[in-house]
Each structure stands twice: as structure tokens, then as C-alpha cells.
């Protein structure tokens, strides 16, 4: 990359947004160029390839992160880590999801810095905990910090920093239930119908890989049928992804309506929503697929999912603003995104009860009752 022009910076910003939202494999050079307001061929004046964009974006981000944390002089302080996250906020989405696409030694350079951040987050816990607790809280802190990479609201940096500091402090002080050795996470009863079985298997595959890497043959093979048979129910892979994401969004909406109807106070409703979201995510992968790949669905489905996501978030933000009146709606939205991201990241491997304890503590609605956002 050559310097002296604002265009490379615009291209990197556009790539950060697109890679973070849709994934490296789903984005082409022309997509990045259009988002940056330049022609496709002109990208090659500054970058050799799409991979060069990814490589430059990641190396630049971790260099800035490393400099910021070092300048604060207290890498074990989660406040310093939050400042670092703000510094590379735009790149956090692609840092979260696209590292596997890096080549050696690029992935080594990026991983070295991120491992140091992980170690710093682990040292930020002032309470001596059992190792299982430390692992959960460290991962939750890192997820909280990275969540601002997917949040597109324009919120002043100081307001975001206050939310991150408060959320990380709540995570570090969360009272987690006793750990269960090798907990067996629920997988549900297998569906009888072939169509539902295909959707469930497809959700598991989309949860593990980018949609571009999942084939109809793989989906069919996972339930023991020929690839051609899948077209009895689905016109193609995007249709399968559409159905997985729409199903997850509708289940989440149904759960939200059910919890709200059974709650007497905003505090009770928010606690109930938190526990139900954790239950949905730990028991099946579809909610994670929705969050990660919702923008990779067909255009009409993506629009529908966007409306549904806005409605669901609005309910959470309204409730959170009611339980924490000292915090703005924009700050409440940042905290809701942080909670959703922690559920996404930890629900594969963390016991449902322990993850629910983390999320309700973050939102200030654990068994201790409502807490001030400025405690």
C-alpha cells in the first residue's frame, strides 16, 4: 500500500465495514470499491488483491491497538483495554471473524497481539477465582469490548467508554453458579420431518463455517440423503440460509412476546428476556447463525430480518432505559449489543446457568436487583 492519499484509508474503512458485517469470503473487490466511492480497477493502485486489503487492515488494527494499550501503561486494567477497543472500533468486526483467512506469518503477527490482550483481560480480574470462572469472565470481557465493532449507532466515545467500563466491571464481579465438569449442553430432540432435519443440520454447518463454504451436498449428506433430494424443499443454499435465519428471528420474537406478557416490571421482563435468549442460543445454533450471517441472506429476507432485529432491540433498549434511568437510550443500545455479542460468543461452550448469570449481571438485573449504571 502506498501512502499520501485519503483513498487507501477510505478503502480500508469500507473493507472493515463489509468484512465485519458479511465476512471476507462474501465480499468482492468491487463491493469494497463501490462502498469507498471508487472504481474496482482503481483499488489495485493501492492494494495488490483483496487479501492485501485484509492483511493491511488486520496488521494496521493490531498495531494501533498495541500502541494504545502500551501508551496507557496499564494493560491489566480493563479501562485501558476499552480505550484500545475504541481506537480500532471500525476493525473489530473483521478482527472477530476473518482471522482464519490470514496466511502465515500474518496470522501469527495478529494473534500475538490479540493473545496479549487476552492475557491483559485475564489479569484485569481483581478477584481470585477458580480457573473455570476466570475463563468465562475473561471471554465475556473480550466479547464485551469487541461488541462495539458491530454497533453502528453514532455514540460519543466517552459515553461508549462508560458503558464498556461498567459492563466489564459487572462481568468481573458476577456471582457465577458452581461450574459443572464437562457439562453436556442440550441438543434437542431430532425432528421427524426431512425438511426440519435439513434446516437443523444446515444451521449447525452455518454456525461452523461461512455460508460460501457450505454446500448443498454437505447439508444433504448431514442427514443422509442425496443432494438432489434437497431441492424438493429448497431452491438453493440461500433459501436454506433464509429459512434458518427467519426461523431463529421468529422464535426470538415469540419468546420476547411471551416474556413480556408474563412480566410485571421492566426489571423482571429484562431478566426474563436475558435468560430466554441464553437458553435459545445454548440449545441450538440458529440464533448465532442469524446474528452472524443475517446480512448474507436474500435481499427480501435481509430486509425483513433487519426490521425484526430493530423491533427486538427496541424492546430491550426500552426496558433497559427503564431500569437504568441514568443512561441514555444510545448507551442502552450499546449495552444490549454487548450482551447479545457475549451470548453469541460464549453460548457454544458455557453452561446455560453460568452464561445467564453473566448476562443478567451485565444488564444489572441479576438476583441482586437493579443497579446503578455508575456504580
Protein backbone atom coordinates (compact mmCIF):
# COMPACT_ATOMS: atom_id res chain seq x y z
CA UNK A 1 0.00 0.00 0.00
CA UNK A 2 1.27 3.48 -0.81
CA UNK A 3 0.64 6.50 1.39
CA UNK A 4 -0.10 10.16 0.72
CA UNK A 5 -3.76 9.77 -0.29
CA UNK A 6 -7.01 9.51 1.68
CA UNK A 7 -8.29 6.84 -0.71
CA UNK A 8 -6.40 3.91 0.83
CA UNK A 9 -7.89 4.87 4.20
CA UNK A 10 -11.38 5.02 2.67
CA UNK A 11 -10.86 1.61 1.10
CA UNK A 12 -9.68 0.13 4.39
CA UNK A 13 -12.65 1.63 6.21
CA UNK A 14 -15.04 0.25 3.60
CA UNK A 15 -13.37 -3.17 3.77
CA UNK A 16 -13.58 -3.14 7.57
CA UNK A 17 -17.31 -2.44 7.44
CA UNK A 18 -18.07 -5.01 4.76
CA UNK A 19 -15.81 -7.79 6.04
CA UNK A 20 -17.11 -7.28 9.57
CA UNK A 21 -20.76 -7.39 8.52
CA UNK A 22 -20.72 -10.09 5.82
CA UNK A 23 -17.41 -11.93 6.13
CA UNK A 24 -14.31 -11.82 3.94
CA UNK A 25 -15.42 -14.65 1.63
CA UNK A 26 -18.72 -12.94 0.77
CA UNK A 27 -17.19 -9.57 -0.21
CA UNK A 28 -15.57 -8.77 -3.55
CA UNK A 29 -13.17 -6.03 -4.61
CA UNK A 30 -15.99 -4.31 -6.49
CA UNK A 31 -18.09 -4.24 -3.29
CA UNK A 32 -15.28 -2.51 -1.42
CA UNK A 33 -14.67 -0.09 -4.26
CA UNK A 34 -18.35 0.85 -4.51
CA UNK A 35 -18.58 1.43 -0.77
CA UNK A 36 -15.48 3.66 -0.92
CA UNK A 37 -16.77 5.56 -3.97
CA UNK A 38 -14.07 4.46 -6.43
CA UNK A 39 -13.94 2.13 -9.41
CA UNK A 40 -12.99 -1.53 -8.99
CA UNK A 41 -9.79 -1.41 -11.07
CA UNK A 42 -8.54 1.68 -9.20
CA UNK A 43 -8.30 -0.37 -5.98
CA UNK A 44 -5.22 -2.05 -7.43
CA UNK A 45 -3.35 1.25 -7.41
CA UNK A 46 -3.04 0.82 -3.64
CA UNK A 47 -3.65 -2.86 -2.90
CA UNK A 48 -2.40 -5.93 -4.76
CA UNK A 49 -5.51 -8.02 -4.04
CA UNK A 50 -8.46 -8.48 -1.74
CA UNK A 51 -6.15 -10.42 0.53
CA UNK A 52 -3.79 -7.44 0.67
CA UNK A 53 -6.72 -5.37 1.91
CA UNK A 54 -7.48 -7.92 4.62
CA UNK A 55 -3.83 -8.26 5.63
CA UNK A 56 -3.26 -4.49 5.78
CA UNK A 57 -6.48 -3.94 7.68
CA UNK A 58 -5.65 -6.53 10.35
CA UNK A 59 -1.99 -5.61 10.80
CA UNK A 60 -2.80 -1.90 10.99
CA UNK A 61 -5.55 -2.51 13.53
CA UNK A 62 -3.46 -4.63 15.89
CA UNK A 63 -0.52 -2.19 15.63
CA UNK A 64 -2.83 0.65 16.68
CA UNK A 65 -4.30 -1.49 19.45
CA UNK A 66 -0.85 -2.40 20.75
CA UNK A 67 0.32 1.22 20.72
CA UNK A 68 -2.81 2.42 22.51
CA UNK A 69 -2.59 -0.14 25.30
CA UNK A 70 1.13 0.45 25.73
CA UNK A 71 0.54 4.22 25.92
CA UNK A 72 -1.96 3.73 28.72
CA UNK A 73 0.78 1.98 30.66
CA UNK A 74 -1.62 -0.36 32.47
CA UNK A 75 -2.51 -3.24 30.15
CA UNK A 76 -4.04 -5.22 33.01
CA UNK A 77 -6.68 -2.51 33.52
CA UNK A 78 -9.91 -3.19 31.61
CA UNK A 79 -10.31 0.59 31.17
CA UNK A 80 -7.11 0.60 29.10
CA UNK A 81 -8.43 -2.32 27.08
CA UNK A 82 -11.67 -0.43 26.47
CA UNK A 83 -9.72 2.56 25.20
CA UNK A 84 -7.85 0.22 22.88
CA UNK A 85 -11.11 -1.23 21.58
CA UNK A 86 -12.38 2.28 20.84
CA UNK A 87 -9.19 3.03 18.92
CA UNK A 88 -9.79 0.15 16.48
CA UNK A 89 -13.58 0.11 16.74
CA UNK A 90 -14.20 0.00 13.00
CA UNK A 91 -11.93 -3.01 12.50
CA UNK A 92 -13.23 -5.12 15.39
CA UNK A 93 -15.87 -6.88 13.31
CA UNK A 94 -13.38 -8.29 10.83
CA UNK A 95 -10.84 -8.99 13.58
CA UNK A 96 -13.50 -11.14 15.24
CA UNK A 97 -14.47 -13.22 12.24
CA UNK A 98 -11.82 -13.12 9.49
CA UNK A 99 -8.56 -14.14 11.16
CA UNK A 100 -8.80 -17.71 9.74
CA UNK A 101 -8.38 -16.23 6.25
CA UNK A 102 -4.96 -14.78 7.06
CA UNK A 103 -1.81 -16.56 5.87
CA UNK A 104 1.27 -17.32 7.93
CA UNK A 105 3.11 -15.33 9.21
CA UNK A 106 0.38 -12.65 9.10
CA UNK A 107 -1.90 -14.65 11.35
CA UNK A 108 1.00 -15.06 13.78
CA UNK A 109 1.54 -11.30 13.97
CA UNK A 110 -2.14 -10.63 14.63
CA UNK A 111 -2.56 -13.50 17.06
CA UNK A 112 0.45 -12.42 19.13
CA UNK A 113 -1.13 -9.04 19.85
CA UNK A 114 -4.60 -10.45 20.49
CA UNK A 115 -3.16 -13.09 22.82
CA UNK A 116 -1.51 -10.28 24.78
CA UNK A 117 -4.88 -8.52 25.01
CA UNK A 118 -6.45 -11.75 26.28
CA UNK A 119 -3.73 -12.09 28.92
CA UNK A 120 -4.30 -8.48 29.98
CA UNK A 121 -8.03 -9.08 30.27
CA UNK A 122 -7.36 -12.13 32.42
CA UNK A 123 -5.15 -10.07 34.75
CA UNK A 124 -7.85 -7.39 34.98
CA UNK A 125 -9.92 -9.59 37.27
CA UNK A 126 -9.14 -8.30 40.79
CA UNK A 127 -10.85 -11.28 42.43
CA UNK A 128 -9.11 -14.61 42.85
CA UNK A 129 -11.45 -17.04 41.14
CA UNK A 130 -11.46 -20.72 40.26
CA UNK A 131 -9.92 -21.20 36.82
CA UNK A 132 -13.28 -22.01 35.20
CA UNK A 133 -14.72 -18.70 36.39
CA UNK A 134 -11.68 -16.81 35.14
CA UNK A 135 -12.02 -18.36 31.70
CA UNK A 136 -15.69 -17.41 31.44
CA UNK A 137 -15.25 -13.85 32.71
CA UNK A 138 -12.19 -13.21 30.52
CA UNK A 139 -14.02 -14.32 27.41
CA UNK A 140 -17.05 -12.25 28.39
CA UNK A 141 -14.90 -9.13 28.89
CA UNK A 142 -13.25 -9.59 25.49
CA UNK A 143 -16.64 -10.13 23.82
CA UNK A 144 -18.00 -7.02 25.53
CA UNK A 145 -15.11 -4.94 24.23
CA UNK A 146 -15.33 -6.33 20.70
CA UNK A 147 -19.10 -5.79 20.50
CA UNK A 148 -18.67 -2.15 19.55
CA UNK A 149 -17.25 -3.31 16.22
CA UNK A 150 -20.72 -4.42 15.10
CA UNK A 151 -22.63 -1.50 16.60
CA UNK A 152 -23.30 1.27 14.08
CA UNK A 153 -25.01 3.89 16.24
CA UNK A 154 -23.19 7.18 16.48
CA UNK A 155 -22.47 7.43 20.19
CA UNK A 156 -19.83 9.75 21.72
CA UNK A 157 -16.65 7.90 22.65
CA UNK A 158 -16.92 8.92 26.30
CA UNK A 159 -20.45 7.51 26.52
CA UNK A 160 -19.36 4.22 24.92
CA UNK A 161 -16.37 4.01 27.24
CA UNK A 162 -18.62 4.44 30.29
CA UNK A 163 -20.80 1.54 29.11
CA UNK A 164 -17.81 -0.70 28.43
CA UNK A 165 -16.22 0.07 31.79
CA UNK A 166 -19.46 -0.58 33.67
CA UNK A 167 -20.24 -3.78 31.73
CA UNK A 168 -16.73 -5.19 32.22
CA UNK A 169 -16.84 -4.38 35.93
CA UNK A 170 -20.21 -6.14 36.22
CA UNK A 171 -18.87 -9.21 34.42
CA UNK A 172 -15.81 -9.38 36.65
CA UNK A 173 -17.96 -9.19 39.78
CA UNK A 174 -20.70 -11.57 38.57
CA UNK A 175 -21.65 -14.31 41.02
CA UNK A 176 -21.48 -17.42 38.83
CA UNK A 177 -23.07 -20.74 39.79
CA UNK A 178 -20.70 -23.58 40.54
CA UNK A 179 -19.01 -25.00 37.46
CA UNK A 180 -20.08 -28.40 36.21
CA UNK A 181 -17.26 -30.62 34.95
CA UNK A 182 -17.72 -31.21 31.22
CA UNK A 183 -21.34 -30.06 31.09
CA UNK A 184 -23.40 -31.76 28.41
CA UNK A 185 -25.11 -28.99 26.52
CA UNK A 186 -28.65 -29.85 25.32
CA UNK A 187 -29.07 -30.65 21.66
CA UNK A 188 -32.84 -31.14 21.50
CA UNK A 189 -34.92 -34.00 20.17
CA UNK A 190 -34.24 -34.80 16.47
CA UNK A 191 -37.05 -33.63 14.18
CA UNK A 192 -39.11 -36.25 12.37
CA UNK A 193 -39.57 -34.42 9.05
CA UNK A 194 -36.76 -34.31 6.50
CA UNK A 195 -37.25 -30.59 5.86
CA UNK A 196 -36.82 -29.67 9.53
CA UNK A 197 -33.91 -32.08 9.83
CA UNK A 198 -32.19 -30.35 6.89
CA UNK A 199 -32.73 -26.94 8.45
CA UNK A 200 -31.32 -28.05 11.79
CA UNK A 201 -28.27 -29.65 10.17
CA UNK A 202 -27.76 -26.61 7.94
CA UNK A 203 -27.84 -24.34 10.99
CA UNK A 204 -25.06 -26.38 12.58
CA UNK A 205 -22.97 -26.15 9.39
CA UNK A 206 -23.55 -22.39 9.01
CA UNK A 207 -22.59 -21.98 12.66
CA UNK A 208 -19.21 -23.59 12.00
CA UNK A 209 -18.41 -22.08 8.58
CA UNK A 210 -19.09 -19.15 6.30
CA UNK A 211 -22.12 -19.69 4.01
CA UNK A 212 -19.81 -19.60 0.98
CA UNK A 213 -18.04 -22.69 2.32
CA UNK A 214 -21.22 -24.72 2.96
CA UNK A 215 -22.59 -26.71 0.01
CA UNK A 216 -26.00 -28.23 -0.61
CA UNK A 217 -24.23 -31.59 -0.85
CA UNK A 218 -22.83 -31.14 2.67
CA UNK A 219 -26.26 -30.19 4.01
CA UNK A 220 -27.83 -33.23 2.37
CA UNK A 221 -25.05 -35.56 3.50
CA UNK A 222 -25.52 -34.45 7.11
CA UNK A 223 -28.96 -36.09 7.15
CA UNK A 224 -28.07 -39.00 4.89
CA UNK A 225 -29.85 -38.05 1.66
CA UNK A 226 -28.70 -37.23 -1.87
CA UNK A 227 -28.01 -33.59 -2.68
CA UNK A 228 -30.65 -33.61 -5.43
CA UNK A 229 -33.31 -34.52 -2.87
CA UNK A 230 -32.88 -31.21 -1.02
CA UNK A 231 -34.42 -29.35 -3.94
CA UNK A 232 -37.79 -30.89 -3.08
CA UNK A 233 -37.91 -28.34 -0.24
CA UNK A 234 -35.36 -25.63 -1.04
CA UNK A 235 -34.41 -23.88 -4.26
CA UNK A 236 -30.80 -23.42 -3.22
CA UNK A 237 -28.40 -22.69 -0.38
CA UNK A 238 -29.52 -19.08 0.09
CA UNK A 239 -33.09 -20.31 0.54
CA UNK A 240 -31.87 -22.67 3.27
CA UNK A 241 -29.99 -19.84 4.98
CA UNK A 242 -33.08 -17.62 4.67
CA UNK A 243 -35.21 -20.26 6.40
CA UNK A 244 -32.69 -20.82 9.19
CA UNK A 245 -32.42 -17.11 9.93
CA UNK A 246 -36.14 -16.38 9.64
CA UNK A 247 -36.93 -19.31 11.91
CA UNK A 248 -34.48 -18.02 14.54
CA UNK A 249 -35.84 -14.47 14.31
CA UNK A 250 -39.43 -15.65 14.67
CA UNK A 251 -38.60 -17.84 17.66
CA UNK A 252 -36.85 -14.90 19.31
CA UNK A 253 -39.86 -12.67 18.63
CA UNK A 254 -42.24 -15.29 20.06
CA UNK A 255 -40.10 -15.63 23.19
CA UNK A 256 -39.99 -11.85 23.61
CA UNK A 257 -43.78 -11.58 23.38
CA UNK A 258 -44.21 -14.47 25.83
CA UNK A 259 -41.81 -12.99 28.40
CA UNK A 260 -43.33 -9.51 28.17
CA UNK A 261 -46.84 -10.91 28.64
CA UNK A 262 -45.78 -12.73 31.81
CA UNK A 263 -43.76 -9.92 33.43
CA UNK A 264 -44.97 -7.34 35.90
CA UNK A 265 -42.00 -4.92 35.85
CA UNK A 266 -39.31 -3.84 33.36
CA UNK A 267 -36.69 -5.41 35.64
CA UNK A 268 -38.49 -8.76 35.61
CA UNK A 269 -39.05 -8.60 31.85
CA UNK A 270 -35.41 -7.80 31.07
CA UNK A 271 -34.16 -10.58 33.32
CA UNK A 272 -36.58 -12.98 31.66
CA UNK A 273 -35.53 -11.92 28.16
CA UNK A 274 -31.87 -12.37 29.07
CA UNK A 275 -32.41 -15.89 30.37
CA UNK A 276 -34.55 -16.91 27.39
CA UNK A 277 -32.01 -15.59 24.89
CA UNK A 278 -29.27 -17.55 26.61
CA UNK A 279 -31.47 -20.66 26.54
CA UNK A 280 -32.18 -20.27 22.82
CA UNK A 281 -28.51 -19.81 21.99
CA UNK A 282 -27.11 -22.61 24.15
CA UNK A 283 -29.65 -25.18 22.97
CA UNK A 284 -29.41 -24.59 19.21
CA UNK A 285 -27.10 -22.67 16.83
CA UNK A 286 -29.75 -20.87 14.75
CA UNK A 287 -29.66 -17.64 16.78
CA UNK A 288 -25.89 -17.39 16.34
CA UNK A 289 -26.32 -18.02 12.60
CA UNK A 290 -28.89 -15.23 12.44
CA UNK A 291 -26.58 -12.80 14.17
CA UNK A 292 -23.53 -13.72 12.12
CA UNK A 293 -24.99 -14.35 8.67
CA UNK A 294 -28.30 -12.47 8.57
CA UNK A 295 -26.92 -9.98 6.04
CA UNK A 296 -25.87 -12.84 3.72
CA UNK A 297 -29.49 -13.88 3.13
CA UNK A 298 -31.50 -12.89 0.07
CA UNK A 299 -32.36 -9.17 -0.23
CA UNK A 300 -36.02 -9.52 0.75
CA UNK A 301 -35.18 -11.74 3.71
CA UNK A 302 -32.37 -9.42 4.82
CA UNK A 303 -34.82 -6.50 4.86
CA UNK A 304 -37.35 -8.50 6.88
CA UNK A 305 -34.68 -9.61 9.33
CA UNK A 306 -33.46 -6.03 9.73
CA UNK A 307 -36.96 -4.87 10.68
CA UNK A 308 -37.39 -7.75 13.14
CA UNK A 309 -33.98 -7.13 14.70
CA UNK A 310 -34.79 -3.43 15.10
CA UNK A 311 -38.07 -4.27 16.83
CA UNK A 312 -36.44 -6.78 19.18
CA UNK A 313 -33.60 -4.43 20.07
CA UNK A 314 -36.11 -1.66 20.66
CA UNK A 315 -37.87 -3.76 23.31
CA UNK A 316 -34.60 -4.47 25.12
CA UNK A 317 -33.42 -0.86 24.94
CA UNK A 318 -36.75 0.42 26.25
CA UNK A 319 -36.64 -1.98 29.20
CA UNK A 320 -33.00 -1.24 29.95
CA UNK A 321 -33.58 2.51 29.82
CA UNK A 322 -36.43 1.97 32.31
CA UNK A 323 -34.24 0.03 34.74
CA UNK A 324 -31.22 2.34 34.35
CA UNK A 325 -32.66 5.88 34.10
CA UNK A 326 -29.20 7.46 34.36
CA UNK A 327 -28.19 6.06 30.99
CA UNK A 328 -29.23 7.36 27.57
CA UNK A 329 -31.09 5.21 25.04
CA UNK A 330 -27.97 5.23 22.86
CA UNK A 331 -25.89 3.90 25.75
CA UNK A 332 -28.58 1.33 26.50
CA UNK A 333 -28.35 0.19 22.87
CA UNK A 334 -24.58 -0.22 23.19
CA UNK A 335 -25.07 -2.37 26.28
CA UNK A 336 -27.74 -4.50 24.60
CA UNK A 337 -25.37 -5.18 21.69
CA UNK A 338 -22.65 -6.12 24.17
CA UNK A 339 -24.99 -8.60 25.87
CA UNK A 340 -26.03 -10.12 22.54
CA UNK A 341 -22.38 -10.48 21.50
CA UNK A 342 -21.40 -12.21 24.73
CA UNK A 343 -24.27 -14.67 24.22
CA UNK A 344 -23.08 -15.27 20.64
CA UNK A 345 -19.51 -15.93 21.69
CA UNK A 346 -19.98 -17.98 24.86
CA UNK A 347 -23.13 -19.98 24.16
CA UNK A 348 -21.30 -22.79 22.37
CA UNK A 349 -19.21 -23.81 25.35
CA UNK A 350 -20.53 -22.25 28.57
CA UNK A 351 -23.20 -23.81 30.76
CA UNK A 352 -26.56 -22.07 30.36
CA UNK A 353 -26.86 -21.12 34.05
CA UNK A 354 -23.40 -19.58 34.18
CA UNK A 355 -23.87 -17.62 30.97
CA UNK A 356 -27.24 -16.34 32.18
CA UNK A 357 -25.54 -15.13 35.36
CA UNK A 358 -23.01 -13.17 33.27
CA UNK A 359 -25.67 -11.55 31.08
CA UNK A 360 -28.04 -10.59 33.89
CA UNK A 361 -25.09 -9.10 35.78
CA UNK A 362 -24.10 -7.06 32.70
CA UNK A 363 -27.64 -5.73 32.40
CA UNK A 364 -27.94 -5.03 36.13
CA UNK A 365 -30.90 -7.39 36.58
CA UNK A 366 -29.34 -10.32 38.40
CA UNK A 367 -30.70 -11.58 41.69
CA UNK A 368 -29.30 -8.56 43.45
CA UNK A 369 -31.88 -6.36 41.74
CA UNK A 370 -31.42 -3.21 39.63
CA UNK A 371 -28.05 -1.50 39.89
CA UNK A 372 -26.90 2.00 39.05
CA UNK A 373 -25.01 2.24 35.77
CA UNK A 374 -22.44 4.39 37.55
CA UNK A 375 -21.72 2.13 40.47
